[in-house]
């Protein structure tokens, strides 16, 4: 292929990428409701605490009284909130700015789907990105300030960077994995599967990722100290109160089959198609499929369950199903176009 053809292809790919990204932004702008909340945590645990960090006033929920939540996300939202208040001249403008910032961060998942899908083919990348950009659950969760959606975006962003031998990509991937783990520590085992699996046989990659993990964890520990806690004391308190003392169980307990049942109720027959197509996504995506399964299995072992808890698994399954759908279509067309021949001569 001539150099001019390469440049034309690159421009074409860029137009498709930015067109899909613009579409993702548009549907999220339509879905954004500054007055709505998908879950109380969004308001009480994150937006309210960001406001409290800025002004010193606000409701202190029991989780923060017990010191079982990290201040990383509230302080991360405080910057956009302060900017929104300065520009808009009201606390409401600050809240909108914080939500827009969180939604913008979740767009990492949309871009990641493009990169991950293109490891199979151009069209796999296009369809994977379109699926993540337009899937209703991805859109709805991304415009709400929830650790599940933001951690999922960080994990997918890390997975997109885990290829080749570019040291900087692996370092950034490690930082994104660490960020996802702090935002949603329950995703820790699944993140470990991703990091170890991507480094298997090439252990220097794990060392590169550690170079990204350590600074992020140090920064998180510094935030803990600044807010009057020992490093990661919130994590110890969370495990102690919710798992050891059973505080989470007081909000409801569901059987181990809850997530399978939830998928069946929400997706119905579409769920079977999604799983089947995800299995057809190809060997190069088996690691991500394992991450999704491990995450579901481990969350199924905990008594208190909510559908949003496995947002990471849902995002992965939708993306892999999109990739699998293209591969299935290509294989089907190849078989139909194959020349006919006698069995003994094929």
Protein backbone atom coordinates (compact mmCIF):
# COMPACT_ATOMS: atom_id res chain seq x y z
CA UNK A 1 0.00 0.00 0.00
CA UNK A 2 1.33 3.41 -0.97
CA UNK A 3 2.10 6.09 1.60
CA UNK A 4 -0.80 8.18 0.31
CA UNK A 5 -3.16 5.26 0.81
CA UNK A 6 -1.91 4.85 4.39
CA UNK A 7 -2.57 8.52 5.10
CA UNK A 8 -6.06 8.32 3.58
CA UNK A 9 -6.86 5.24 5.66
CA UNK A 10 -5.64 6.96 8.80
CA UNK A 11 -7.82 10.01 8.09
CA UNK A 12 -10.79 7.73 7.43
CA UNK A 13 -10.25 5.90 10.72
CA UNK A 14 -9.96 9.18 12.61
CA UNK A 15 -13.24 10.42 11.15
CA UNK A 16 -14.99 7.23 12.21
CA UNK A 17 -13.47 7.34 15.70
CA UNK A 18 -14.34 10.97 16.36
CA UNK A 19 -17.76 10.54 14.79
CA UNK A 20 -18.55 7.70 17.19
CA UNK A 21 -17.10 9.68 20.09
CA UNK A 22 -19.30 12.66 19.19
CA UNK A 23 -22.29 10.33 19.08
CA UNK A 24 -21.38 8.96 22.52
CA UNK A 25 -21.13 12.49 23.90
CA UNK A 26 -24.46 13.47 22.33
CA UNK A 27 -26.45 10.57 23.78
CA UNK A 28 -24.89 11.14 27.19
CA UNK A 29 -25.74 14.83 27.05
CA UNK A 30 -29.36 13.86 26.37
CA UNK A 31 -29.33 11.36 29.24
CA UNK A 32 -27.75 13.74 31.76
CA UNK A 33 -30.28 14.88 34.35
CA UNK A 34 -28.76 17.26 36.93
CA UNK A 35 -31.72 16.65 39.26
CA UNK A 36 -31.81 12.86 38.94
CA UNK A 37 -29.98 10.16 40.86
CA UNK A 38 -29.57 6.51 39.97
CA UNK A 39 -28.54 5.59 43.51
CA UNK A 40 -28.31 7.52 46.82
CA UNK A 41 -24.53 6.98 46.93
CA UNK A 42 -24.18 9.32 43.99
CA UNK A 43 -25.54 12.24 45.98
CA UNK A 44 -24.68 11.47 49.60
CA UNK A 45 -21.33 9.70 49.29
CA UNK A 46 -19.70 11.61 46.45
CA UNK A 47 -21.30 14.89 45.37
CA UNK A 48 -22.24 15.94 48.90
CA UNK A 49 -18.79 15.08 50.21
CA UNK A 50 -17.13 17.00 47.38
CA UNK A 51 -19.24 20.01 48.35
CA UNK A 52 -18.32 19.47 52.01
CA UNK A 53 -14.63 19.38 51.10
CA UNK A 54 -15.02 22.75 49.37
CA UNK A 55 -17.20 24.56 51.88
CA UNK A 56 -16.96 22.65 55.15
CA UNK A 57 -20.75 22.33 55.21
CA UNK A 58 -22.83 19.31 54.37
CA UNK A 59 -24.28 16.03 55.51
CA UNK A 60 -21.85 13.52 57.01
CA UNK A 61 -23.17 10.00 56.26
CA UNK A 62 -22.40 7.11 58.57
CA UNK A 63 -19.86 5.67 56.14
CA UNK A 64 -17.69 8.77 56.54
CA UNK A 65 -18.28 8.92 60.27
CA UNK A 66 -16.99 5.35 60.48
CA UNK A 67 -14.14 6.19 58.12
CA UNK A 68 -14.93 3.44 55.60
CA UNK A 69 -14.86 5.43 52.36
CA UNK A 70 -11.90 6.83 50.44
CA UNK A 71 -11.81 10.57 49.87
CA UNK A 72 -10.21 10.08 46.45
CA UNK A 73 -13.39 10.48 44.41
CA UNK A 74 -14.97 13.32 46.44
CA UNK A 75 -11.74 15.30 46.28
CA UNK A 76 -11.43 14.49 42.59
CA UNK A 77 -14.89 15.93 42.02
CA UNK A 78 -14.13 19.01 44.14
CA UNK A 79 -11.96 20.54 41.40
CA UNK A 80 -14.61 20.47 38.63
CA UNK A 81 -17.22 21.49 41.21
CA UNK A 82 -15.20 24.55 42.22
CA UNK A 83 -14.68 25.47 38.57
CA UNK A 84 -18.39 25.08 37.85
CA UNK A 85 -19.31 27.28 40.79
CA UNK A 86 -16.83 29.93 39.69
CA UNK A 87 -18.11 29.98 36.11
CA UNK A 88 -21.80 29.42 36.79
CA UNK A 89 -22.02 31.41 40.00
CA UNK A 90 -24.03 28.82 41.93
CA UNK A 91 -23.70 25.55 43.81
CA UNK A 92 -25.99 23.96 41.20
CA UNK A 93 -23.50 24.81 38.45
CA UNK A 94 -20.83 23.10 40.50
CA UNK A 95 -22.92 19.93 40.78
CA UNK A 96 -23.49 19.89 37.02
CA UNK A 97 -19.77 20.35 36.42
CA UNK A 98 -18.92 17.47 38.72
CA UNK A 99 -21.34 15.17 36.92
CA UNK A 100 -20.05 16.24 33.51
CA UNK A 101 -16.50 15.51 34.65
CA UNK A 102 -17.48 12.03 35.82
CA UNK A 103 -19.29 11.36 32.54
CA UNK A 104 -16.25 12.57 30.62
CA UNK A 105 -14.02 10.17 32.52
CA UNK A 106 -16.33 7.29 31.61
CA UNK A 107 -15.76 8.04 27.91
CA UNK A 108 -12.46 6.21 28.40
CA UNK A 109 -14.47 3.00 28.03
CA UNK A 110 -15.77 4.11 24.62
CA UNK A 111 -12.28 4.85 23.30
CA UNK A 112 -10.94 1.63 24.82
CA UNK A 113 -13.51 -0.45 22.93
CA UNK A 114 -12.18 0.95 19.64
CA UNK A 115 -8.61 -0.09 20.50
CA UNK A 116 -9.53 -3.51 21.89
CA UNK A 117 -11.81 -4.35 18.99
CA UNK A 118 -9.27 -3.35 16.36
CA UNK A 119 -6.91 -6.02 17.64
CA UNK A 120 -9.15 -8.37 15.66
CA UNK A 121 -10.07 -6.15 12.70
CA UNK A 122 -11.09 -2.64 11.72
CA UNK A 123 -14.80 -3.45 11.75
CA UNK A 124 -14.55 -5.22 15.10
CA UNK A 125 -13.25 -1.96 16.52
CA UNK A 126 -15.98 0.13 14.91
CA UNK A 127 -18.82 -2.08 16.12
CA UNK A 128 -17.31 -2.52 19.60
CA UNK A 129 -16.97 1.24 20.02
CA UNK A 130 -20.52 1.81 18.74
CA UNK A 131 -21.88 -0.77 21.18
CA UNK A 132 -20.20 0.77 24.21
CA UNK A 133 -21.15 4.26 23.01
CA UNK A 134 -24.85 3.45 22.61
CA UNK A 135 -25.68 0.55 24.96
CA UNK A 136 -28.41 1.91 27.24
CA UNK A 137 -26.93 0.71 30.53
CA UNK A 138 -23.51 2.12 29.64
CA UNK A 139 -25.06 5.48 28.79
CA UNK A 140 -27.24 5.69 31.89
CA UNK A 141 -24.55 4.66 34.37
CA UNK A 142 -21.90 6.90 32.84
CA UNK A 143 -23.88 10.10 33.49
CA UNK A 144 -24.17 9.31 37.19
CA UNK A 145 -21.34 9.66 39.68
CA UNK A 146 -20.85 6.02 40.63
CA UNK A 147 -17.61 4.22 41.40
CA UNK A 148 -18.76 1.16 39.45
CA UNK A 149 -18.98 2.97 36.12
CA UNK A 150 -15.80 4.99 36.65
CA UNK A 151 -13.79 1.96 37.79
CA UNK A 152 -15.08 -0.01 34.80
CA UNK A 153 -13.90 2.72 32.44
CA UNK A 154 -10.47 2.70 34.08
CA UNK A 155 -10.17 -1.09 33.76
CA UNK A 156 -11.17 -1.05 30.08
CA UNK A 157 -8.74 1.80 29.47
CA UNK A 158 -5.98 -0.25 31.07
CA UNK A 159 -6.88 -3.30 28.99
CA UNK A 160 -6.68 -1.20 25.82
CA UNK A 161 -3.13 -0.19 26.70
CA UNK A 162 -1.95 -3.72 27.50
CA UNK A 163 -0.39 -4.56 24.15
CA UNK A 164 3.01 -4.26 22.56
CA UNK A 165 6.22 -3.33 24.32
CA UNK A 166 5.75 0.39 24.83
CA UNK A 167 6.80 0.88 28.44
CA UNK A 168 4.75 4.06 28.92
CA UNK A 169 1.55 2.28 27.88
CA UNK A 170 2.09 -0.38 30.53
CA UNK A 171 2.88 2.20 33.20
CA UNK A 172 -0.33 4.13 32.43
CA UNK A 173 -2.22 0.82 32.39
CA UNK A 174 -0.92 0.09 35.88
CA UNK A 175 -2.00 3.53 37.11
CA UNK A 176 -5.49 3.00 35.69
CA UNK A 177 -5.72 -0.42 37.36
CA UNK A 178 -4.70 1.11 40.69
CA UNK A 179 -7.22 3.93 40.26
CA UNK A 180 -9.96 1.40 39.52
CA UNK A 181 -8.97 -0.58 42.61
CA UNK A 182 -9.17 2.47 44.87
CA UNK A 183 -12.48 3.60 43.36
CA UNK A 184 -13.98 0.13 43.66
CA UNK A 185 -11.79 -2.18 45.73
CA UNK A 186 -14.27 -5.01 45.19
CA UNK A 187 -12.95 -5.17 41.63
CA UNK A 188 -9.48 -5.92 42.99
CA UNK A 189 -9.43 -9.68 42.25
CA UNK A 190 -10.68 -9.14 38.70
CA UNK A 191 -8.06 -6.43 38.18
CA UNK A 192 -5.37 -8.79 39.46
CA UNK A 193 -6.50 -11.41 36.92
CA UNK A 194 -6.16 -8.82 34.15
CA UNK A 195 -2.71 -7.64 35.22
CA UNK A 196 -1.26 -11.11 35.77
CA UNK A 197 -2.87 -12.55 32.65
CA UNK A 198 -1.59 -9.72 30.46
CA UNK A 199 1.91 -10.17 31.88
CA UNK A 200 2.03 -13.97 31.74
CA UNK A 201 5.40 -15.05 30.35
CA UNK A 202 6.52 -11.41 30.04
CA UNK A 203 6.98 -10.46 33.68
CA UNK A 204 8.77 -7.20 32.93
CA UNK A 205 5.34 -5.92 31.89
CA UNK A 206 4.17 -6.47 35.46
CA UNK A 207 7.14 -4.44 36.65
CA UNK A 208 6.21 -1.64 34.26
CA UNK A 209 2.64 -1.68 35.57
CA UNK A 210 3.93 -1.58 39.14
CA UNK A 211 5.68 1.66 38.20
CA UNK A 212 2.21 3.08 37.53
CA UNK A 213 0.48 1.40 40.46
CA UNK A 214 2.83 2.64 43.17
CA UNK A 215 2.52 6.42 42.57
CA UNK A 216 -1.26 6.18 42.43
CA UNK A 217 -1.40 4.22 45.68
CA UNK A 218 1.03 6.65 47.30
CA UNK A 219 -1.20 9.55 46.24
CA UNK A 220 -4.23 7.73 47.65
CA UNK A 221 -2.40 7.12 50.92
CA UNK A 222 -1.46 10.80 51.02
CA UNK A 223 -5.12 11.74 50.67
CA UNK A 224 -5.95 9.42 53.57
CA UNK A 225 -3.32 11.09 55.75
CA UNK A 226 -4.52 14.56 54.77
CA UNK A 227 -8.07 13.62 55.77
CA UNK A 228 -7.00 12.32 59.17
CA UNK A 229 -6.77 8.58 58.51
CA UNK A 230 -3.98 6.05 58.32
CA UNK A 231 -3.21 4.95 54.74
CA UNK A 232 -6.03 2.71 53.49
CA UNK A 233 -7.65 2.66 56.92
CA UNK A 234 -10.96 3.15 55.08
CA UNK A 235 -10.44 -0.14 53.28
CA UNK A 236 -9.81 -2.03 56.53
CA UNK A 237 -12.84 -0.39 58.14
CA UNK A 238 -15.02 -1.21 55.13
CA UNK A 239 -14.10 -4.89 55.15
CA UNK A 240 -14.46 -5.11 58.93
CA UNK A 241 -17.86 -3.44 59.10
CA UNK A 242 -19.45 -4.84 55.96
CA UNK A 243 -18.05 -8.36 55.78
CA UNK A 244 -16.88 -9.26 59.29
CA UNK A 245 -19.59 -7.49 61.29
CA UNK A 246 -22.24 -7.95 58.59
CA UNK A 247 -23.32 -4.32 58.22
CA UNK A 248 -23.90 -4.71 54.47
CA UNK A 249 -26.24 -7.64 55.11
CA UNK A 250 -28.65 -5.29 56.89
CA UNK A 251 -29.37 -3.69 53.50
CA UNK A 252 -30.49 -7.02 52.07
CA UNK A 253 -29.09 -10.44 51.25
CA UNK A 254 -29.55 -12.28 47.95
CA UNK A 255 -28.72 -15.85 46.90
CA UNK A 256 -25.58 -16.67 44.88
CA UNK A 257 -27.71 -16.97 41.75
CA UNK A 258 -28.81 -13.32 41.98
CA UNK A 259 -26.68 -11.96 39.15
CA UNK A 260 -27.57 -14.75 36.73
CA UNK A 261 -31.23 -14.16 37.55
CA UNK A 262 -30.81 -10.39 37.17
CA UNK A 263 -29.27 -10.81 33.73
CA UNK A 264 -32.09 -13.16 32.73
CA UNK A 265 -34.76 -10.71 33.90
CA UNK A 266 -33.19 -7.60 32.35
CA UNK A 267 -31.85 -9.05 29.11
CA UNK A 268 -34.16 -12.07 28.57
CA UNK A 269 -33.26 -13.91 25.35
CA UNK A 270 -30.90 -11.11 24.37
CA UNK A 271 -28.71 -12.19 27.27
CA UNK A 272 -28.16 -15.62 25.72
CA UNK A 273 -27.20 -13.97 22.45
CA UNK A 274 -24.79 -11.62 24.24
CA UNK A 275 -23.07 -14.48 26.05
CA UNK A 276 -22.88 -16.61 22.89
CA UNK A 277 -21.38 -13.77 20.85
CA UNK A 278 -18.95 -12.89 23.64
CA UNK A 279 -17.68 -16.47 23.49
CA UNK A 280 -17.12 -15.98 19.74
CA UNK A 281 -14.95 -12.89 20.29
CA UNK A 282 -11.78 -14.94 19.80
CA UNK A 283 -8.85 -16.26 21.78
CA UNK A 284 -7.15 -12.88 22.11
CA UNK A 285 -10.11 -11.69 24.20
CA UNK A 286 -10.30 -14.70 26.53
CA UNK A 287 -8.51 -12.80 29.28
CA UNK A 288 -11.16 -10.08 29.37
CA UNK A 289 -13.86 -12.75 29.38
CA UNK A 290 -12.13 -14.35 32.38
CA UNK A 291 -12.05 -10.96 34.13
CA UNK A 292 -15.82 -10.60 33.64
CA UNK A 293 -16.53 -14.12 34.92
CA UNK A 294 -14.24 -13.82 37.95
CA UNK A 295 -15.89 -10.54 38.88
CA UNK A 296 -19.38 -12.06 38.73
CA UNK A 297 -18.40 -15.19 40.65
CA UNK A 298 -16.72 -13.28 43.48
CA UNK A 299 -19.59 -10.81 43.80
CA UNK A 300 -21.99 -13.76 43.89
CA UNK A 301 -20.23 -15.03 47.01
CA UNK A 302 -21.09 -11.87 48.98
CA UNK A 303 -24.52 -11.69 50.61
CA UNK A 304 -25.47 -8.09 49.77
CA UNK A 305 -25.83 -7.70 46.02
CA UNK A 306 -26.91 -4.94 43.67
CA UNK A 307 -27.01 -5.10 39.89
CA UNK A 308 -24.71 -2.10 39.54
CA UNK A 309 -21.95 -3.90 41.45
CA UNK A 310 -21.04 -5.97 38.38
CA UNK A 311 -21.02 -3.06 35.92
CA UNK A 312 -17.48 -4.05 34.93
CA UNK A 313 -18.62 -7.51 33.83
CA UNK A 314 -21.59 -6.06 31.94
CA UNK A 315 -19.38 -3.59 30.06
CA UNK A 316 -16.94 -6.33 29.09
CA UNK A 317 -19.68 -8.72 27.93
CA UNK A 318 -21.34 -6.07 25.77
CA UNK A 319 -18.04 -5.08 24.18
CA UNK A 320 -16.98 -8.69 23.54
CA UNK A 321 -20.42 -9.53 22.14
CA UNK A 322 -20.03 -6.69 19.65
CA UNK A 323 -16.62 -8.01 18.64
CA UNK A 324 -17.99 -11.54 18.40
CA UNK A 325 -20.90 -10.43 16.24
CA UNK A 326 -18.55 -9.05 13.59
CA UNK A 327 -16.35 -12.13 13.65
CA UNK A 328 -19.45 -14.34 13.33
CA UNK A 329 -20.74 -12.31 10.39
CA UNK A 330 -17.36 -12.43 8.61
CA UNK A 331 -17.10 -16.20 9.10
CA UNK A 332 -20.64 -16.67 7.82
CA UNK A 333 -19.95 -14.61 4.70
CA UNK A 334 -16.70 -16.47 4.08
CA UNK A 335 -18.51 -19.80 4.16
CA UNK A 336 -21.22 -18.60 1.80
CA UNK A 337 -18.65 -17.26 -0.66
CA UNK A 338 -16.43 -20.34 -0.50
CA UNK A 339 -16.31 -22.24 -3.82
CA UNK A 340 -18.23 -25.48 -3.85
CA UNK A 341 -16.28 -28.70 -4.39
CA UNK A 342 -16.58 -32.41 -3.98
CA UNK A 343 -15.91 -33.66 -0.44
CA UNK A 344 -12.82 -35.56 -1.55
CA UNK A 345 -11.28 -32.53 -3.25
CA UNK A 346 -11.93 -29.84 -0.58
